[in-house]
Amino acid sequence: MSPSWTVIEAGPTTIRQLSGGETTLGDPEVVTAALDGIDDPVALVDGRPVDVDELWCAALRSLGCQRCTRLMLIHPSWWSTSRVERVGAAAHAVADRVVLRPRSWLLARAVQAPQQVVVVEIADRIVVATGAVLAAEPRHGQPQAVAEAAIRAIAATAPEPGAAVLIDVPLGLGGAGELAEIIAGRLRAGADRRVLVLDEGGLRRLATAADVDDEPPPCDNASPRRRRALLLLALPVAAAFGVHPWGRPAAPLSGRTPTTFLVEGRVAVEVPAQWPVQRIIAGPGSARVQVTSPSDTQVALHVTQSPVTDQTLAGAAESLKQAIDAEPPGVFIDFNPAGSSAGRPAVTYREVRAGHDIRWAVVVDRAMRIAIGCQARPGEDDAVRDACTVAVRSARALG
């Protein structure tokens, strides 16, 4: 790559400049606030509200990019479209020319074509494998159990048995190095395949050598349409290939809509990648994350979560019934304490609001109560049915 390109790593744990010989870290307070608030319009810094878009601009400027000529920004492959668009907008504000690339695109450079490769990205709460398709497993429990789950995800994505596996160890991510070595050891013992573990120094070397005009990585042997989505829009596309984010089959959304992982607090849910995400903390109903169709604002998914201690689904039904009984009559109807949704046992009910209904499915996963609300105009449930099924089926606690 020409020395005039500035390469910046944005997430999952830091924002730093990779080019220029030595790693340059951003202002720690600004970087932490920008990453923590990436899904919010406003974040608190020193007790005062700050626009998150401005925070991202400040984080990039703190790396010495007051006005870069050419900027390549590397982001986690599993980030949602809204996250990528936010960091992309900040990059355009501080640079004349901007190129966005998913982390898997850069990491795959470590294996020379034509060998196929699966890239494994370890994050705080999930492990994501990108190969012929994309799959992931929650990162919870002992490292050995997480490693076994990650190997299942790798097997689900590998385009061929002999595909190389490259395991990413992000800078400053607790336990990532240990987990990477366990995964690598088990893969090497179980098959004759090349397995590489890449630390932050290796990532920096790849960033220095990469070319923005490189062909798609050897792990991406899918259709040209999917390649354009990965390279230009950086959209994870698990559902487009019928692969559930935890490595099991899942029904694709209608029209093969790309999906991504919404990681909120201690919960992960698979949602349409191109639907904007926002937090709702005012108005009727509980505080929640809302994922809205860009073509119809009355079509949306809602996600809420509550930590629980040894609560069963029956216990969740009892507490929900008490809360519903305290609300005005006619707002919450069709309550079923032993219902089902997307093949999962769930407490189900319907919330009636002006202009739309929300059909709720509440599940309990380990120590979390997760509620998925599927919103549509009255009598038009089909508009959200596919997205709803995928979201409810995939909803999991992450730790």
Protein backbone atom coordinates (compact mmCIF):
# COMPACT_ATOMS: atom_id res chain seq x y z
CA MET A 1 0.00 0.00 0.00
CA SER A 2 1.19 3.51 -0.72
CA PRO A 3 2.60 5.25 2.40
CA SER A 4 0.06 8.03 1.85
CA TRP A 5 -2.73 5.70 3.05
CA THR A 6 -3.56 5.89 6.73
CA VAL A 7 -4.89 2.58 8.09
CA ILE A 8 -7.04 2.73 11.24
CA GLU A 9 -8.46 -0.15 13.24
CA ALA A 10 -11.91 0.72 14.63
CA GLY A 11 -13.08 -1.89 17.13
CA PRO A 12 -13.70 -4.26 18.64
CA THR A 13 -11.61 -3.11 21.64
CA THR A 14 -9.75 -0.01 20.52
CA ILE A 15 -9.32 2.66 17.87
CA ARG A 16 -5.73 2.94 16.67
CA GLN A 17 -3.59 3.72 13.67
CA LEU A 18 -1.91 0.64 12.21
CA SER A 19 0.19 2.26 9.48
CA GLY A 20 3.32 4.33 9.86
CA GLY A 21 5.63 1.80 11.49
CA GLU A 22 4.46 2.02 15.10
CA THR A 23 0.97 1.64 16.50
CA THR A 24 -0.65 4.94 17.45
CA LEU A 25 -3.42 4.73 20.02
CA GLY A 26 -6.25 7.24 20.25
CA ASP A 27 -7.18 9.28 23.32
CA PRO A 28 -8.25 6.57 25.82
CA GLU A 29 -11.25 8.43 27.23
CA VAL A 30 -12.57 9.45 23.82
CA VAL A 31 -11.97 5.99 22.34
CA THR A 32 -13.77 4.23 25.19
CA ALA A 33 -16.75 6.59 24.98
CA ALA A 34 -16.94 6.24 21.18
CA LEU A 35 -16.91 2.43 21.29
CA ASP A 36 -19.30 2.17 24.23
CA GLY A 37 -21.74 4.62 22.65
CA ILE A 38 -21.57 3.41 19.06
CA ASP A 39 -25.26 2.43 19.03
CA ASP A 40 -26.45 5.60 20.79
CA PRO A 41 -26.95 9.18 19.57
CA VAL A 42 -25.41 10.65 22.75
CA ALA A 43 -22.80 9.45 25.26
CA LEU A 44 -21.64 10.83 28.59
CA VAL A 45 -18.04 12.09 28.81
CA ASP A 46 -16.97 13.61 32.13
CA GLY A 47 -20.62 13.70 33.10
CA ARG A 48 -21.73 15.77 30.11
CA PRO A 49 -23.64 14.58 27.03
CA VAL A 50 -21.64 14.44 23.80
CA ASP A 51 -22.87 13.61 20.30
CA VAL A 52 -21.53 10.15 19.43
CA ASP A 53 -20.85 11.11 15.80
CA GLU A 54 -18.63 13.92 17.09
CA LEU A 55 -16.94 11.48 19.46
CA TRP A 56 -15.96 9.26 16.55
CA CYS A 57 -14.56 12.24 14.66
CA ALA A 58 -12.61 13.25 17.77
CA ALA A 59 -11.29 9.70 18.18
CA LEU A 60 -9.96 9.66 14.61
CA ARG A 61 -8.44 13.11 15.00
CA SER A 62 -6.72 12.00 18.20
CA LEU A 63 -4.74 9.58 16.00
CA GLY A 64 -3.25 12.53 14.13
CA CYS A 65 -5.78 12.40 11.30
CA GLN A 66 -6.82 16.04 11.30
CA ARG A 67 -7.34 15.86 7.56
CA CYS A 68 -6.00 12.66 6.02
CA THR A 69 -5.67 12.40 2.28
CA ARG A 70 -6.52 8.71 2.10
CA LEU A 71 -7.91 6.61 4.93
CA MET A 72 -8.62 2.88 5.15
CA LEU A 73 -10.79 1.97 8.11
CA ILE A 74 -10.85 -1.66 9.33
CA HIS A 75 -13.90 -2.71 11.36
CA PRO A 76 -15.18 -6.00 12.85
CA SER A 77 -16.82 -8.15 10.19
CA TRP A 78 -19.90 -8.75 12.33
CA TRP A 79 -20.72 -5.08 12.99
CA SER A 80 -24.16 -3.94 11.91
CA THR A 81 -24.75 -1.64 8.97
CA SER A 82 -25.61 1.24 11.29
CA ARG A 83 -22.27 0.90 13.09
CA VAL A 84 -20.31 0.76 9.86
CA GLU A 85 -22.18 3.78 8.51
CA ARG A 86 -21.45 5.74 11.68
CA VAL A 87 -17.70 5.14 11.63
CA GLY A 88 -17.68 5.63 7.85
CA ALA A 89 -19.32 9.04 8.22
CA ALA A 90 -16.71 10.04 10.81
CA ALA A 91 -13.94 8.87 8.50
CA HIS A 92 -15.34 10.96 5.63
CA ALA A 93 -15.38 13.96 7.96
CA VAL A 94 -11.61 13.75 8.53
CA ALA A 95 -10.32 12.33 5.22
CA ASP A 96 -10.59 13.14 1.53
CA ARG A 97 -10.84 9.53 0.38
CA VAL A 98 -12.17 6.69 2.56
CA VAL A 99 -12.20 2.93 2.10
CA LEU A 100 -14.04 0.68 4.57
CA ARG A 101 -13.00 -2.96 4.93
CA PRO A 102 -14.24 -5.73 7.26
CA ARG A 103 -11.58 -7.19 9.51
CA SER A 104 -11.88 -10.62 7.84
CA TRP A 105 -10.88 -9.02 4.52
CA LEU A 106 -7.58 -7.85 6.01
CA LEU A 107 -6.88 -10.94 8.10
CA ALA A 108 -7.34 -13.29 5.15
CA ARG A 109 -4.27 -11.66 3.54
CA ALA A 110 -2.15 -13.80 5.88
CA VAL A 111 -2.94 -16.86 3.75
CA GLN A 112 -1.88 -16.77 0.12
CA ALA A 113 -4.45 -17.61 -2.55
CA PRO A 114 -5.60 -20.02 -3.89
CA GLN A 115 -5.84 -21.76 -0.51
CA GLN A 116 -9.25 -21.37 1.14
CA VAL A 117 -9.30 -19.76 4.58
CA VAL A 118 -11.71 -19.33 7.48
CA VAL A 119 -11.14 -16.21 9.58
CA VAL A 120 -12.08 -16.44 13.26
CA GLU A 121 -12.69 -13.17 15.10
CA ILE A 122 -12.80 -13.32 18.90
CA ALA A 123 -14.90 -10.58 20.46
CA ASP A 124 -15.99 -9.82 24.00
CA ARG A 125 -19.20 -11.85 23.86
CA ILE A 126 -19.09 -13.84 20.60
CA VAL A 127 -16.70 -15.77 18.38
CA VAL A 128 -17.39 -15.19 14.67
CA ALA A 129 -16.13 -17.39 11.83
CA THR A 130 -16.14 -16.09 8.25
CA GLY A 131 -15.58 -18.58 5.44
CA ALA A 132 -17.86 -19.66 2.61
CA VAL A 133 -20.62 -18.43 4.94
CA LEU A 134 -20.66 -16.68 8.30
CA ALA A 135 -21.44 -18.31 11.66
CA ALA A 136 -20.86 -17.50 15.30
CA GLU A 137 -21.11 -18.86 18.82
CA PRO A 138 -21.72 -17.02 22.09
CA ARG A 139 -18.57 -16.60 24.17
CA HIS A 140 -19.65 -17.72 27.62
CA GLY A 141 -18.54 -20.42 30.00
CA GLN A 142 -15.08 -21.97 30.32
CA PRO A 143 -12.58 -21.40 27.47
CA GLN A 144 -12.59 -25.11 26.61
CA ALA A 145 -16.36 -25.09 26.07
CA VAL A 146 -16.17 -21.88 24.02
CA ALA A 147 -13.40 -23.42 21.91
CA GLU A 148 -15.57 -26.47 21.14
CA ALA A 149 -18.42 -24.19 20.09
CA ALA A 150 -16.06 -22.12 17.93
CA ILE A 151 -14.84 -25.26 16.18
CA ARG A 152 -18.45 -26.12 15.32
CA ALA A 153 -18.84 -22.66 13.81
CA ILE A 154 -15.63 -23.10 11.82
CA ALA A 155 -16.87 -26.45 10.49
CA ALA A 156 -20.13 -24.80 9.42
CA THR A 157 -18.29 -22.13 7.41
CA ALA A 158 -15.35 -24.03 5.93
CA PRO A 159 -15.61 -24.26 2.11
CA GLU A 160 -13.47 -27.42 2.09
CA PRO A 161 -11.97 -29.78 4.71
CA GLY A 162 -8.42 -28.56 4.12
CA ALA A 163 -9.18 -24.86 4.47
CA ALA A 164 -6.68 -22.88 6.51
CA VAL A 165 -7.92 -21.24 9.71
CA LEU A 166 -6.70 -17.86 10.86
CA ILE A 167 -7.56 -16.85 14.44
CA ASP A 168 -7.58 -13.16 15.33
CA VAL A 169 -6.46 -12.00 18.80
CA PRO A 170 -7.59 -8.36 19.19
CA LEU A 171 -5.43 -6.00 21.19
CA GLY A 172 -6.42 -5.78 24.85
CA LEU A 173 -9.26 -8.33 24.78
CA GLY A 174 -9.15 -10.35 27.98
CA GLY A 175 -8.76 -14.10 27.51
CA ALA A 176 -8.58 -13.88 23.72
CA GLY A 177 -5.02 -15.18 23.50
CA GLU A 178 -5.75 -18.20 25.70
CA LEU A 179 -8.92 -19.01 23.78
CA ALA A 180 -7.13 -18.68 20.43
CA GLU A 181 -4.44 -21.14 21.48
CA ILE A 182 -7.02 -23.68 22.70
CA ILE A 183 -8.91 -23.46 19.40
CA ALA A 184 -5.68 -23.71 17.41
CA GLY A 185 -4.44 -26.69 19.40
CA ARG A 186 -7.63 -28.66 18.92
CA LEU A 187 -7.80 -27.87 15.21
CA ARG A 188 -4.20 -28.93 14.66
CA ALA A 189 -4.76 -32.18 16.56
CA GLY A 190 -7.95 -33.05 14.72
CA ALA A 191 -7.03 -32.49 11.09
CA ASP A 192 -4.18 -31.85 8.72
CA ARG A 193 -4.79 -28.17 8.19
CA ARG A 194 -2.85 -24.95 8.47
CA VAL A 195 -3.81 -22.92 11.56
CA LEU A 196 -2.45 -19.45 12.26
CA VAL A 197 -2.91 -17.25 15.33
CA LEU A 198 -2.49 -13.56 14.52
CA ASP A 199 -1.62 -11.06 17.24
CA GLU A 200 -1.68 -7.27 17.04
CA GLY A 201 1.79 -7.15 15.49
CA GLY A 202 0.65 -9.45 12.69
CA LEU A 203 -2.42 -7.31 12.07
CA ARG A 204 -0.21 -4.23 11.76
CA ARG A 205 2.05 -5.96 9.23
CA LEU A 206 -0.96 -6.98 7.15
CA ALA A 207 -2.31 -3.43 7.26
CA THR A 208 0.99 -2.04 6.02
CA ALA A 209 1.13 -4.49 3.11
CA ALA A 210 -2.53 -4.46 2.06
CA ASP A 211 -3.70 -2.83 -1.14
CA VAL A 212 -7.15 -1.28 -1.43
CA ASP A 213 -7.49 -2.83 -4.88
CA ASP A 214 -6.83 -6.38 -3.64
CA GLU A 215 -9.21 -9.07 -4.83
CA PRO A 216 -11.77 -10.49 -2.36
CA PRO A 217 -10.18 -12.77 0.26
CA PRO A 218 -9.78 -16.45 -0.60
CA CYS A 219 -12.39 -17.39 2.00
CA ASP A 220 -15.05 -15.65 -0.06
CA ASN A 221 -15.94 -18.07 -2.83
CA ALA A 222 -19.63 -17.06 -2.84
CA SER A 223 -21.53 -15.17 -5.48
CA PRO A 224 -20.33 -11.84 -6.92
CA ARG A 225 -23.36 -10.20 -5.29
CA ARG A 226 -22.20 -11.35 -1.85
CA ARG A 227 -18.64 -10.22 -2.58
CA ARG A 228 -19.87 -6.74 -3.37
CA ALA A 229 -21.85 -6.75 -0.12
CA LEU A 230 -18.79 -7.75 1.90
CA LEU A 231 -16.32 -5.40 0.26
CA LEU A 232 -18.47 -2.35 -0.37
CA LEU A 233 -21.12 -2.48 2.33
CA ALA A 234 -19.40 -4.74 4.85
CA LEU A 235 -22.65 -6.53 5.67
CA PRO A 236 -22.56 -9.89 7.45
CA VAL A 237 -24.76 -12.23 5.43
CA ALA A 238 -25.50 -15.26 7.59
CA ALA A 239 -29.16 -15.59 6.74
CA ALA A 240 -28.57 -15.16 3.01
CA PHE A 241 -26.91 -18.57 3.07
CA GLY A 242 -29.31 -20.26 5.50
CA VAL A 243 -26.76 -20.36 8.33
CA HIS A 244 -27.85 -19.53 11.83
CA PRO A 245 -25.45 -17.26 13.75
CA TRP A 246 -24.79 -20.07 16.20
CA GLY A 247 -23.92 -22.51 13.43
CA ARG A 248 -27.28 -24.24 13.00
CA PRO A 249 -29.66 -24.03 10.01
CA ALA A 250 -32.06 -21.11 10.03
CA ALA A 251 -34.72 -19.99 7.60
CA PRO A 252 -33.48 -17.04 5.52
CA LEU A 253 -35.49 -13.86 5.57
CA SER A 254 -37.90 -13.28 2.71
CA GLY A 255 -35.99 -12.21 -0.39
CA ARG A 256 -32.70 -13.48 1.12
CA THR A 257 -32.32 -10.34 3.21
CA PRO A 258 -28.84 -10.01 4.77
CA THR A 259 -28.76 -10.16 8.56
CA THR A 260 -26.31 -9.17 11.24
CA PHE A 261 -25.77 -9.64 14.97
CA LEU A 262 -27.32 -7.10 17.31
CA VAL A 263 -25.23 -7.36 20.49
CA GLU A 264 -26.88 -5.37 23.26
CA GLY A 265 -25.79 -5.71 26.86
CA ARG A 266 -25.72 -9.44 27.56
CA VAL A 267 -27.95 -10.46 24.66
CA ALA A 268 -27.36 -11.21 20.97
CA VAL A 269 -30.15 -11.29 18.38
CA GLU A 270 -30.04 -11.78 14.61
CA VAL A 271 -31.77 -8.88 12.84
CA PRO A 272 -31.97 -7.50 9.28
CA ALA A 273 -28.64 -5.85 8.52
CA GLN A 274 -30.07 -2.82 6.73
CA TRP A 275 -32.64 -1.89 9.38
CA PRO A 276 -31.49 1.11 11.48
CA VAL A 277 -31.04 0.51 15.21
CA GLN A 278 -31.96 2.96 17.96
CA ARG A 279 -32.49 2.90 21.72
CA ILE A 280 -35.93 3.95 22.94
CA ILE A 281 -35.95 5.26 26.51
CA ALA A 282 -39.07 7.47 26.40
CA GLY A 283 -42.74 6.99 25.53
CA PRO A 284 -45.00 4.00 26.21
CA GLY A 285 -43.50 0.63 27.03
CA SER A 286 -40.18 -0.45 28.50
CA ALA A 287 -36.79 0.92 27.54
CA ARG A 288 -35.71 -1.10 24.53
CA VAL A 289 -33.70 -1.35 21.35
CA GLN A 290 -35.78 -0.80 18.22
CA VAL A 291 -34.78 -2.08 14.79
CA THR A 292 -36.98 -0.45 12.14
CA SER A 293 -37.66 -1.29 8.51
CA PRO A 294 -36.24 1.47 6.28
CA SER A 295 -39.26 1.15 3.98
CA ASP A 296 -42.02 1.34 6.62
CA THR A 297 -41.58 2.90 10.04
CA GLN A 298 -44.54 0.89 11.38
CA VAL A 299 -42.60 -2.36 10.81
CA ALA A 300 -39.99 -3.01 13.48
CA LEU A 301 -38.42 -5.38 15.98
CA HIS A 302 -38.10 -4.49 19.66
CA VAL A 303 -35.59 -6.12 22.02
CA THR A 304 -35.64 -5.87 25.81
CA GLN A 305 -33.69 -7.80 28.41
CA SER A 306 -33.80 -8.30 32.16
CA PRO A 307 -31.36 -10.22 34.36
CA VAL A 308 -33.13 -12.91 36.39
CA THR A 309 -32.04 -15.33 39.08
CA ASP A 310 -33.13 -18.94 38.68
CA GLN A 311 -36.31 -17.83 36.92
CA THR A 312 -38.24 -20.33 34.82
CA LEU A 313 -40.54 -19.44 31.97
CA ALA A 314 -43.47 -19.98 34.35
CA GLY A 315 -41.93 -17.51 36.76
CA ALA A 316 -41.48 -15.00 33.94
CA ALA A 317 -45.13 -15.47 32.97
CA GLU A 318 -46.27 -14.76 36.51
CA SER A 319 -44.30 -11.52 36.84
CA LEU A 320 -45.33 -10.38 33.37
CA LYS A 321 -49.00 -11.06 34.13
CA GLN A 322 -48.77 -8.91 37.24
CA ALA A 323 -47.26 -6.04 35.23
CA ILE A 324 -49.86 -6.38 32.47
CA ASP A 325 -52.74 -6.39 34.96
CA ALA A 326 -51.52 -3.04 36.27
CA GLU A 327 -51.84 -1.44 32.81
CA PRO A 328 -55.07 0.05 31.34
CA PRO A 329 -57.44 -2.58 29.90
CA GLY A 330 -57.09 -3.31 26.19
CA VAL A 331 -53.42 -2.36 25.86
CA PHE A 332 -52.04 -5.89 26.42
CA ILE A 333 -54.21 -8.75 25.17
CA ASP A 334 -53.99 -12.42 24.07
CA PHE A 335 -51.73 -13.30 27.00
CA ASN A 336 -50.49 -16.91 26.85
CA PRO A 337 -48.18 -18.01 29.70
CA ALA A 338 -47.30 -21.28 27.88
CA GLY A 339 -47.10 -20.25 24.25
CA SER A 340 -44.44 -20.74 21.61
CA SER A 341 -42.72 -18.64 18.95
CA ALA A 342 -40.25 -19.70 16.25
CA GLY A 343 -40.27 -23.18 17.74
CA ARG A 344 -39.27 -21.97 21.24
CA PRO A 345 -41.37 -22.10 24.40
CA ALA A 346 -42.33 -18.51 25.15
CA VAL A 347 -44.71 -16.26 27.00
CA THR A 348 -46.67 -14.50 24.26
CA TYR A 349 -49.02 -11.52 24.20
CA ARG A 350 -50.03 -8.62 21.99
CA GLU A 351 -49.54 -4.91 22.69
CA VAL A 352 -52.04 -2.60 20.98
CA ARG A 353 -50.84 0.89 20.10
CA ALA A 354 -52.00 3.65 17.75
CA GLY A 355 -51.16 2.62 14.17
CA HIS A 356 -49.60 -0.74 14.99
CA ASP A 357 -49.65 -3.88 17.11
CA ILE A 358 -46.62 -5.50 18.73
CA ARG A 359 -46.65 -9.27 19.19
CA TRP A 360 -44.26 -10.13 22.04
CA ALA A 361 -42.42 -13.39 22.64
CA VAL A 362 -40.59 -13.65 25.96
CA VAL A 363 -37.99 -16.39 26.47
CA VAL A 364 -35.61 -17.21 29.31
CA ASP A 365 -32.03 -18.11 28.45
CA ARG A 366 -29.77 -18.86 31.41
CA ALA A 367 -29.88 -15.77 33.65
CA MET A 368 -31.59 -13.46 31.15
CA ARG A 369 -35.21 -12.82 30.28
CA ILE A 370 -35.32 -11.73 26.63
CA ALA A 371 -38.38 -10.19 25.00
CA ILE A 372 -38.69 -9.81 21.23
CA GLY A 373 -41.50 -7.56 20.01
CA CYS A 374 -42.63 -7.85 16.40
CA GLN A 375 -44.37 -4.69 15.24
CA ALA A 376 -46.64 -4.27 12.23
CA ARG A 377 -49.82 -2.47 11.22
CA PRO A 378 -53.02 -4.17 12.43
CA GLY A 379 -53.73 -7.22 10.28
CA GLU A 380 -50.37 -6.99 8.47
CA ASP A 381 -48.25 -9.38 10.54
CA ASP A 382 -46.71 -10.88 7.40
CA ALA A 383 -44.67 -7.70 6.94
CA VAL A 384 -42.50 -8.60 9.95
CA ARG A 385 -43.05 -12.36 10.21
CA ASP A 386 -39.76 -13.56 8.68
CA ALA A 387 -37.61 -11.07 10.60
CA CYS A 388 -39.53 -11.95 13.76
CA THR A 389 -38.96 -15.67 13.35
CA VAL A 390 -35.21 -15.25 12.87
CA ALA A 391 -34.93 -12.83 15.81
CA VAL A 392 -36.83 -15.02 18.28
CA ARG A 393 -35.07 -18.19 17.19
CA SER A 394 -31.62 -16.61 17.53
CA ALA A 395 -32.04 -14.62 20.76
CA ARG A 396 -29.42 -15.78 23.28
CA ALA A 397 -27.80 -14.59 26.48
CA LEU A 398 -24.06 -14.03 26.12
CA GLY A 399 -22.85 -14.37 29.65
